[in-house]
Amino acid sequence: MAGAWVLRSSNVPAAGPANPWMRAFQREPRVMTGEDGTFVMRGLEPAEYTLTARREQYGDSAPVKVTCTTGEPIEGIAVELTRGETLRGRVVPSRVDAPVAGALVFVVREDGAGAGRVPSDLSGGPPSPPPDSIHTTTSPAGDFGLEGLTAGAVTVQIRHVDSAPATLASVEVPGSDVTVELGEGGAVQGYLRDAKKRPIAARQVMLMQGAMGSGGMRTAQTDSEGFYRIDRMRPGSYQLMFTDPKAAFGVSGMTTVTLRDGQTVQHDFGPKVGTRPVSGAVTQGGAPLEGATVFLTGGGGDMKFGQTGADGRFRFDAVEPGEYTVVVQREMMGGDNVSQKVTVGADGEVADVRIEVPTLSVAGTVVDQETGEPVAMAQIELLRAGAGGATSLEEMVADTAGRGFT
């Protein structure tokens, strides 16, 4: 495949450090244009592709659909680049009328998982721009200018070492100047102690929002006194937990905290007075079910989760009095579940929880359409409604009589 990039404004080849690429689903082969603006991409498999050009100071080109088949190479492709637009604005604190100097302002040009992630969002510290972003820093007066933007709606991200992250979504480019307010953010702090109330040092505490931290995540490490602090977080509800090598999934103490701008929440991890253990067993078809995920939700304490052992048993320690629900899920990332209500009283032991997971049974016969004879060793796949082939619920193999068995 060969062609040239052309600047629409001057109709001359776009030479220099261009960064054009062609996207083939997630494979994204890339090449750079030469001084004459031409490019050649070799070793492509027959497929339909979308060709895109990108260069600093220019907006992204319009996508060009290209169909590669076996036979003659494709040549003479011309893609036009237009000088990018500029977005100007100012960053100020939310509580006082003063400029914010040295703030990182950026627009991410990539899509997909991990796009726009800034390392300091996880660990704190001075922010650095994510790869393939258009970025700048604010002046001593708090002003900024982002150049080379593609016309249309963009999402502007702002980071500063002393403030919570900020986002401006659906900002039209070109358009009027924007003003961004940075808040102090919320914070959570506390101590991590063991059953004997001794401090646990060098343990990681995690604060996350959304599935797997998709809405934001920050970590901190406890010091020699077991103290931790996580600050400069956007206001909202988060899941707070700490790493525990003895826990089924490597974390313990999961609880929900709500952070507000300018306020600090105190949360200590450690033994609590008046708690009781909740334990039980999970079976399927009367036999112990190993590896099932068990959740304990409700009450006034933390959400707890773990897995059943080879004997099908599970146990949650230090459960506060209250009304709870034990949920058993056969698969970690989803699937059918079974639940049971549990009451943890202020006195005495909690009754052993017994949960039976229903079994599935599907039977039938596979036959040859022409002869009607049974077909042995045929693979049978059972899918949930709306599921794809990669998420089969059960796979069966026909026996010598053509009958399926689970």
Protein backbone atom coordinates (compact mmCIF):
# COMPACT_ATOMS: atom_id res chain seq x y z
CA MET A 1 0.00 0.00 0.00
CA ALA A 2 1.48 3.36 -0.96
CA GLY A 3 0.40 6.98 -1.02
CA ALA A 4 1.07 10.51 0.21
CA TRP A 5 -0.22 12.88 2.87
CA VAL A 6 -1.19 16.35 1.58
CA LEU A 7 -1.81 19.54 3.57
CA ARG A 8 -5.21 20.84 2.61
CA SER A 9 -4.27 24.45 3.38
CA SER A 10 -1.23 24.56 1.07
CA ASN A 11 -1.59 21.45 -1.15
CA VAL A 12 2.04 20.41 -0.48
CA PRO A 13 3.36 17.11 0.89
CA ALA A 14 3.31 16.81 4.70
CA ALA A 15 6.93 15.91 5.37
CA GLY A 16 8.83 15.69 8.64
CA PRO A 17 8.01 13.90 11.89
CA ALA A 18 4.54 12.80 10.87
CA ASN A 19 2.83 10.02 12.78
CA PRO A 20 0.26 8.50 10.41
CA TRP A 21 -1.06 5.03 10.95
CA MET A 22 -3.56 2.59 9.62
CA ARG A 23 -5.88 0.82 12.00
CA ALA A 24 -6.80 -2.82 11.49
CA PHE A 25 -9.07 -3.51 14.42
CA GLN A 26 -6.61 -3.62 17.36
CA ARG A 27 -3.44 -4.40 15.38
CA GLU A 28 -2.69 -0.80 14.38
CA PRO A 29 0.31 -1.09 12.03
CA ARG A 30 2.08 2.28 11.76
CA VAL A 31 4.64 3.96 9.52
CA MET A 32 6.14 7.44 9.20
CA THR A 33 6.01 9.57 6.07
CA GLY A 34 9.21 10.58 4.30
CA GLU A 35 10.36 14.09 3.43
CA ASP A 36 8.18 14.00 0.32
CA GLY A 37 5.11 13.02 2.36
CA THR A 38 4.91 9.51 0.92
CA PHE A 39 4.51 6.24 2.78
CA VAL A 40 4.55 2.51 2.05
CA MET A 41 3.03 -0.18 4.26
CA ARG A 42 4.05 -3.78 3.58
CA GLY A 43 3.18 -7.20 4.91
CA LEU A 44 -0.54 -6.54 5.29
CA GLU A 45 -3.07 -9.35 5.42
CA PRO A 46 -6.13 -9.26 3.15
CA ALA A 47 -8.78 -7.28 5.06
CA GLU A 48 -10.70 -4.02 5.21
CA TYR A 49 -8.74 -1.23 6.91
CA THR A 50 -9.25 2.37 7.98
CA LEU A 51 -6.33 4.62 7.12
CA THR A 52 -5.70 7.68 9.32
CA ALA A 53 -2.96 10.33 9.29
CA ARG A 54 -1.78 12.33 12.29
CA ARG A 55 0.92 14.92 12.85
CA GLU A 56 1.69 17.52 15.48
CA GLN A 57 0.04 20.89 14.85
CA TYR A 58 -2.56 19.22 12.59
CA GLY A 59 -5.96 17.77 13.20
CA ASP A 60 -6.54 14.09 12.45
CA SER A 61 -7.30 13.33 8.84
CA ALA A 62 -10.66 12.01 7.76
CA PRO A 63 -10.57 8.19 7.77
CA VAL A 64 -10.01 6.49 4.42
CA LYS A 65 -11.48 3.02 3.88
CA VAL A 66 -9.06 0.65 2.17
CA THR A 67 -9.76 -2.92 1.08
CA CYS A 68 -6.66 -5.08 0.66
CA THR A 69 -6.98 -8.26 -1.36
CA THR A 70 -4.50 -10.68 -2.84
CA GLY A 71 -3.08 -9.48 -6.14
CA GLU A 72 -1.94 -6.02 -7.19
CA PRO A 73 -0.74 -3.54 -4.51
CA ILE A 74 -2.82 -0.47 -3.75
CA GLU A 75 -1.10 2.76 -4.75
CA GLY A 76 -1.84 6.45 -5.13
CA ILE A 77 -3.75 6.95 -1.89
CA ALA A 78 -3.91 10.64 -0.97
CA VAL A 79 -4.92 11.77 2.52
CA GLU A 80 -5.34 15.44 3.39
CA LEU A 81 -4.31 17.04 6.67
CA THR A 82 -5.76 20.33 7.87
CA ARG A 83 -4.03 22.68 10.27
CA GLY A 84 -5.31 21.96 13.77
CA GLU A 85 -7.53 24.20 15.87
CA THR A 86 -6.51 25.91 19.12
CA LEU A 87 -8.41 25.84 22.42
CA ARG A 88 -7.57 28.54 24.95
CA GLY A 89 -8.58 28.88 28.55
CA ARG A 90 -7.65 29.54 32.16
CA VAL A 91 -7.36 27.37 35.27
CA VAL A 92 -8.38 28.81 38.66
CA PRO A 93 -8.99 27.38 42.16
CA SER A 94 -12.62 26.74 43.07
CA ARG A 95 -12.44 28.53 46.46
CA VAL A 96 -10.36 31.63 45.71
CA ASP A 97 -9.98 33.99 42.76
CA ALA A 98 -6.37 33.30 41.82
CA PRO A 99 -4.60 31.62 38.88
CA VAL A 100 -3.23 28.07 38.98
CA ALA A 101 0.25 27.96 37.45
CA GLY A 102 1.94 24.78 36.24
CA ALA A 103 -1.23 22.73 35.81
CA LEU A 104 -1.12 19.97 33.19
CA VAL A 105 -3.85 20.39 30.55
CA PHE A 106 -4.31 17.72 27.90
CA VAL A 107 -6.61 16.14 25.34
CA VAL A 108 -6.21 12.42 24.65
CA ARG A 109 -6.12 11.40 20.99
CA GLU A 110 -6.42 7.65 21.61
CA ASP A 111 -9.45 5.55 22.56
CA GLY A 112 -9.80 2.28 24.42
CA ALA A 113 -8.73 0.83 27.75
CA GLY A 114 -6.01 2.78 29.49
CA ALA A 115 -6.27 5.82 27.23
CA GLY A 116 -5.68 9.04 29.13
CA ARG A 117 -4.31 7.36 32.26
CA VAL A 118 -1.82 9.53 34.14
CA PRO A 119 0.62 7.71 36.46
CA SER A 120 0.07 10.27 39.22
CA ASP A 121 -3.65 9.38 39.24
CA LEU A 122 -2.60 6.08 40.81
CA SER A 123 0.35 6.99 42.98
CA GLY A 124 0.14 10.74 43.48
CA GLY A 125 3.00 13.13 42.81
CA PRO A 126 3.65 15.54 39.93
CA PRO A 127 1.50 14.68 36.89
CA SER A 128 2.95 13.74 33.51
CA PRO A 129 1.06 13.73 30.19
CA PRO A 130 -0.23 10.40 28.84
CA PRO A 131 1.22 9.08 25.58
CA ASP A 132 -0.18 10.45 22.33
CA SER A 133 -1.93 13.38 23.98
CA ILE A 134 -1.98 17.04 23.02
CA HIS A 135 -0.81 18.77 26.19
CA THR A 136 0.53 21.94 27.72
CA THR A 137 0.98 23.55 31.14
CA THR A 138 -0.61 26.72 32.43
CA SER A 139 1.36 29.96 32.59
CA PRO A 140 1.97 31.91 35.83
CA ALA A 141 -1.31 33.67 35.03
CA GLY A 142 -3.12 30.29 34.76
CA ASP A 143 -3.63 30.58 31.00
CA PHE A 144 -3.19 27.76 28.49
CA GLY A 145 -3.47 27.05 24.78
CA LEU A 146 -3.89 23.59 23.25
CA GLU A 147 -2.83 23.60 19.60
CA GLY A 148 -3.31 21.05 16.85
CA LEU A 149 -6.77 19.85 17.88
CA THR A 150 -9.17 18.18 15.51
CA ALA A 151 -12.34 20.21 15.02
CA GLY A 152 -15.30 18.89 16.99
CA ALA A 153 -16.06 17.92 20.58
CA VAL A 154 -13.08 17.06 22.81
CA THR A 155 -12.61 16.13 26.46
CA VAL A 156 -10.15 18.32 28.34
CA GLN A 157 -8.33 16.89 31.36
CA ILE A 158 -6.55 18.93 34.02
CA ARG A 159 -4.07 17.72 36.66
CA HIS A 160 -2.20 19.65 39.36
CA VAL A 161 -0.08 18.37 42.19
CA ASP A 162 -2.13 20.22 44.83
CA SER A 163 -5.64 19.64 43.45
CA ALA A 164 -8.12 16.94 42.53
CA PRO A 165 -8.29 15.94 38.84
CA ALA A 166 -10.78 17.87 36.71
CA THR A 167 -12.50 17.05 33.43
CA LEU A 168 -14.37 19.16 30.91
CA ALA A 169 -16.39 16.98 28.56
CA SER A 170 -17.84 17.88 25.16
CA VAL A 171 -15.85 21.08 24.64
CA GLU A 172 -16.40 22.30 21.09
CA VAL A 173 -13.32 23.19 19.05
CA PRO A 174 -13.06 25.82 17.72
CA GLY A 175 -15.03 27.72 20.33
CA SER A 176 -14.95 30.26 23.12
CA ASP A 177 -12.25 30.31 25.79
CA VAL A 178 -12.95 28.02 28.75
CA THR A 179 -12.43 28.45 32.48
CA VAL A 180 -11.63 25.41 34.59
CA GLU A 181 -12.01 25.34 38.38
CA LEU A 182 -9.80 23.00 40.39
CA GLY A 183 -11.03 21.78 43.77
CA GLU A 184 -8.98 20.60 46.72
CA GLY A 185 -10.71 17.24 46.53
CA GLY A 186 -11.63 14.84 49.30
CA ALA A 187 -9.36 12.67 51.43
CA VAL A 188 -9.49 9.49 53.49
CA GLN A 189 -7.02 8.49 56.17
CA GLY A 190 -6.67 6.06 59.04
CA TYR A 191 -4.72 3.21 60.58
CA LEU A 192 -4.30 -0.45 59.70
CA ARG A 193 -3.93 -2.79 62.69
CA ASP A 194 -3.96 -6.55 63.23
CA ALA A 195 -6.13 -8.61 65.60
CA LYS A 196 -3.90 -7.60 68.54
CA LYS A 197 -4.17 -3.92 67.58
CA ARG A 198 -0.55 -3.77 66.42
CA PRO A 199 0.22 -1.49 63.44
CA ILE A 200 0.68 -3.15 60.05
CA ALA A 201 3.38 -1.33 58.07
CA ALA A 202 4.24 -1.35 54.34
CA ARG A 203 0.77 -2.54 53.32
CA GLN A 204 -0.96 -1.05 50.29
CA VAL A 205 -4.33 0.66 50.72
CA MET A 206 -6.46 1.13 47.60
CA LEU A 207 -9.26 3.57 46.86
CA MET A 208 -11.18 2.93 43.65
CA GLN A 209 -14.33 4.00 41.87
CA GLY A 210 -16.16 1.95 39.25
CA ALA A 211 -15.39 -1.53 37.97
CA MET A 212 -11.68 -2.30 38.44
CA GLY A 213 -11.03 1.37 39.20
CA SER A 214 -12.35 2.61 35.85
CA GLY A 215 -13.77 5.74 37.51
CA GLY A 216 -10.54 6.57 39.34
CA MET A 217 -8.03 4.81 41.55
CA ARG A 218 -5.34 5.84 44.03
CA THR A 219 -3.04 3.84 46.28
CA ALA A 220 -1.03 4.60 49.41
CA GLN A 221 1.28 2.59 51.66
CA THR A 222 1.00 2.41 55.42
CA ASP A 223 3.94 3.78 57.41
CA SER A 224 5.62 2.28 60.47
CA GLU A 225 2.60 3.28 62.59
CA GLY A 226 0.16 1.70 60.16
CA PHE A 227 -1.05 5.13 59.06
CA TYR A 228 -2.20 5.87 55.49
CA ARG A 229 -3.66 8.89 53.72
CA ILE A 230 -5.12 9.31 50.23
CA ASP A 231 -6.05 12.84 49.22
CA ARG A 232 -6.88 15.07 46.23
CA MET A 233 -9.69 12.78 45.04
CA ARG A 234 -12.75 13.87 43.11
CA PRO A 235 -15.86 14.02 45.35
CA GLY A 236 -17.94 10.84 45.18
CA SER A 237 -18.34 7.31 46.52
CA TYR A 238 -15.36 4.93 46.44
CA GLN A 239 -14.45 1.40 47.50
CA LEU A 240 -11.65 1.32 50.09
CA MET A 241 -9.61 -1.81 50.82
CA PHE A 242 -6.12 -3.04 51.67
CA THR A 243 -3.93 -5.81 50.29
CA ASP A 244 -3.99 -9.03 52.29
CA PRO A 245 -1.90 -12.02 51.14
CA LYS A 246 -4.08 -14.35 53.22
CA ALA A 247 -7.34 -13.25 51.60
CA ALA A 248 -8.95 -15.21 48.76
CA PHE A 249 -8.51 -12.39 46.23
CA GLY A 250 -5.57 -10.65 47.86
CA VAL A 251 -7.60 -7.81 49.43
CA SER A 252 -9.56 -7.36 52.67
CA GLY A 253 -11.60 -4.79 54.54
CA MET A 254 -13.59 -3.58 51.53
CA THR A 255 -15.90 -0.75 52.52
CA THR A 256 -17.61 2.24 50.88
CA VAL A 257 -16.53 5.79 51.70
CA THR A 258 -18.03 9.05 50.42
CA LEU A 259 -15.57 11.88 49.84
CA ARG A 260 -16.45 15.58 49.74
CA ASP A 261 -14.37 18.49 48.57
CA GLY A 262 -12.19 19.93 51.32
CA GLN A 263 -13.11 17.21 53.84
CA THR A 264 -11.25 14.19 55.26
CA VAL A 265 -12.91 10.87 56.13
CA GLN A 266 -11.37 8.81 58.95
CA HIS A 267 -11.44 5.04 58.46
CA ASP A 268 -9.41 2.59 60.54
CA PHE A 269 -8.91 -1.04 59.57
CA GLY A 270 -8.68 -3.41 62.52
CA PRO A 271 -10.53 -5.59 65.03
CA LYS A 272 -14.01 -4.50 66.08
CA VAL A 273 -15.84 -5.18 69.33
CA GLY A 274 -18.94 -7.38 69.33
CA THR A 275 -18.34 -9.06 65.98
CA ARG A 276 -19.15 -12.66 65.03
CA PRO A 277 -17.94 -15.06 62.34
CA VAL A 278 -20.27 -16.11 59.53
CA SER A 279 -19.43 -19.47 57.97
CA GLY A 280 -21.09 -22.12 55.90
CA ALA A 281 -20.88 -24.53 53.01
CA VAL A 282 -21.87 -24.48 49.34
CA THR A 283 -22.93 -27.64 47.57
CA GLN A 284 -24.10 -28.60 44.10
CA GLY A 285 -25.91 -31.83 43.55
CA GLY A 286 -25.23 -32.62 47.21
CA ALA A 287 -21.43 -32.47 46.73
CA PRO A 288 -19.10 -29.66 47.94
CA LEU A 289 -18.66 -26.90 45.34
CA GLU A 290 -15.05 -25.73 45.23
CA GLY A 291 -13.96 -22.32 43.92
CA ALA A 292 -17.36 -20.61 44.09
CA THR A 293 -17.23 -16.87 44.83
CA VAL A 294 -19.12 -15.91 48.01
CA PHE A 295 -20.12 -12.35 48.94
CA LEU A 296 -21.45 -11.03 52.25
CA THR A 297 -23.35 -7.76 51.83
CA GLY A 298 -25.54 -5.58 54.04
CA GLY A 299 -25.39 -4.81 57.75
CA GLY A 300 -23.35 -1.87 58.96
CA GLY A 301 -19.92 -3.22 58.11
CA ASP A 302 -17.71 -3.79 55.12
CA MET A 303 -18.62 -5.91 52.12
CA LYS A 304 -16.70 -9.17 52.32
CA PHE A 305 -15.96 -11.78 49.68
CA GLY A 306 -13.97 -14.97 49.29
CA GLN A 307 -13.99 -18.41 47.69
CA THR A 308 -15.06 -21.83 48.83
CA GLY A 309 -12.37 -24.42 49.56
CA ALA A 310 -12.14 -28.02 48.41
CA ASP A 311 -14.72 -28.92 51.07
CA GLY A 312 -17.09 -26.23 49.77
CA ARG A 313 -16.80 -24.20 52.97
CA PHE A 314 -16.34 -20.46 53.45
CA ARG A 315 -15.89 -18.18 56.48
CA PHE A 316 -16.09 -14.45 57.14
CA ASP A 317 -14.59 -13.18 60.39
CA ALA A 318 -15.37 -10.03 62.38
CA VAL A 319 -18.93 -9.51 61.10
CA GLU A 320 -20.86 -6.83 62.96
CA PRO A 321 -24.45 -7.47 64.15
CA GLY A 322 -27.08 -6.83 61.49
CA GLU A 323 -29.02 -8.22 58.55
CA TYR A 324 -26.91 -9.64 55.72
CA THR A 325 -27.21 -11.47 52.43
CA VAL A 326 -24.83 -14.29 51.47
CA VAL A 327 -24.51 -14.45 47.68
CA VAL A 328 -22.89 -17.42 45.92
CA GLN A 329 -21.68 -16.88 42.36
CA ARG A 330 -20.31 -19.80 40.36
CA GLU A 331 -18.11 -17.65 38.14
CA MET A 332 -15.90 -14.78 39.32
CA MET A 333 -16.86 -12.35 36.53
CA GLY A 334 -20.58 -13.13 36.45
CA GLY A 335 -23.11 -15.86 35.90
CA ASP A 336 -26.07 -17.15 37.87
CA ASN A 337 -26.07 -16.69 41.63
CA VAL A 338 -27.92 -17.99 44.69
CA SER A 339 -28.52 -15.93 47.83
CA GLN A 340 -29.63 -16.46 51.40
CA LYS A 341 -30.53 -14.01 54.20
CA VAL A 342 -28.47 -14.18 57.40
CA THR A 343 -29.00 -12.44 60.74
CA VAL A 344 -25.97 -11.74 62.91
CA GLY A 345 -27.20 -11.23 66.47
CA ALA A 346 -25.48 -9.34 69.24
CA ASP A 347 -25.06 -12.55 71.27
CA GLY A 348 -24.14 -16.13 70.42
CA GLU A 349 -22.88 -17.87 67.32
CA VAL A 350 -24.49 -17.50 63.91
CA ALA A 351 -26.08 -20.65 62.51
CA ASP A 352 -24.03 -22.44 59.87
CA VAL A 353 -25.13 -21.26 56.41
CA ARG A 354 -25.97 -23.98 53.91
CA ILE A 355 -26.49 -23.06 50.26
CA GLU A 356 -27.30 -25.49 47.45
CA VAL A 357 -26.49 -24.30 43.93
CA PRO A 358 -28.98 -25.79 41.43
CA THR A 359 -27.52 -28.12 38.84
CA LEU A 360 -28.14 -27.87 35.10
CA SER A 361 -29.02 -30.88 33.02
CA VAL A 362 -29.62 -30.96 29.28
CA ALA A 363 -29.94 -34.24 27.39
CA GLY A 364 -30.63 -35.20 23.81
CA THR A 365 -29.46 -37.22 20.82
CA VAL A 366 -27.33 -36.22 17.84
CA VAL A 367 -28.18 -38.00 14.60
CA ASP A 368 -27.06 -37.95 10.98
CA GLN A 369 -29.62 -35.92 9.01
CA GLU A 370 -29.60 -38.34 6.05
CA THR A 371 -29.37 -41.73 7.74
CA GLY A 372 -30.88 -40.99 11.15
CA GLU A 373 -28.01 -42.88 12.76
CA PRO A 374 -26.49 -41.60 16.07
CA VAL A 375 -23.37 -39.45 15.67
CA ALA A 376 -20.72 -40.26 18.27
CA MET A 377 -18.16 -37.78 19.72
CA ALA A 378 -19.97 -34.69 18.45
CA GLN A 379 -19.27 -31.59 20.55
CA ILE A 380 -22.38 -29.94 21.97
CA GLU A 381 -22.32 -26.31 23.09
CA LEU A 382 -25.03 -24.65 25.19
CA LEU A 383 -25.15 -20.83 25.16
CA ARG A 384 -27.09 -18.36 27.24
CA ALA A 385 -29.48 -16.19 25.26
CA GLY A 386 -27.56 -13.29 23.73
CA ALA A 387 -24.15 -14.79 24.51
CA GLY A 388 -21.41 -15.33 21.97
CA GLY A 389 -19.50 -18.49 21.26
CA ALA A 390 -16.69 -17.49 23.63
CA THR A 391 -19.01 -17.49 26.65
CA SER A 392 -20.46 -21.00 26.52
CA LEU A 393 -22.19 -22.18 29.63
CA GLU A 394 -21.49 -25.91 29.25
CA GLU A 395 -19.79 -28.13 26.67
CA MET A 396 -20.80 -31.74 26.26
CA VAL A 397 -19.51 -34.66 24.20
CA ALA A 398 -21.88 -37.20 22.73
CA ASP A 399 -21.33 -40.82 23.79
CA THR A 400 -21.18 -43.80 21.45
CA ALA A 401 -24.99 -43.83 21.25
CA GLY A 402 -25.12 -40.18 20.21
CA ARG A 403 -26.58 -39.08 23.56
CA GLY A 404 -25.24 -35.89 25.21
CA PHE A 405 -24.07 -35.94 28.78
CA THR A 406 -22.85 -33.17 31.15
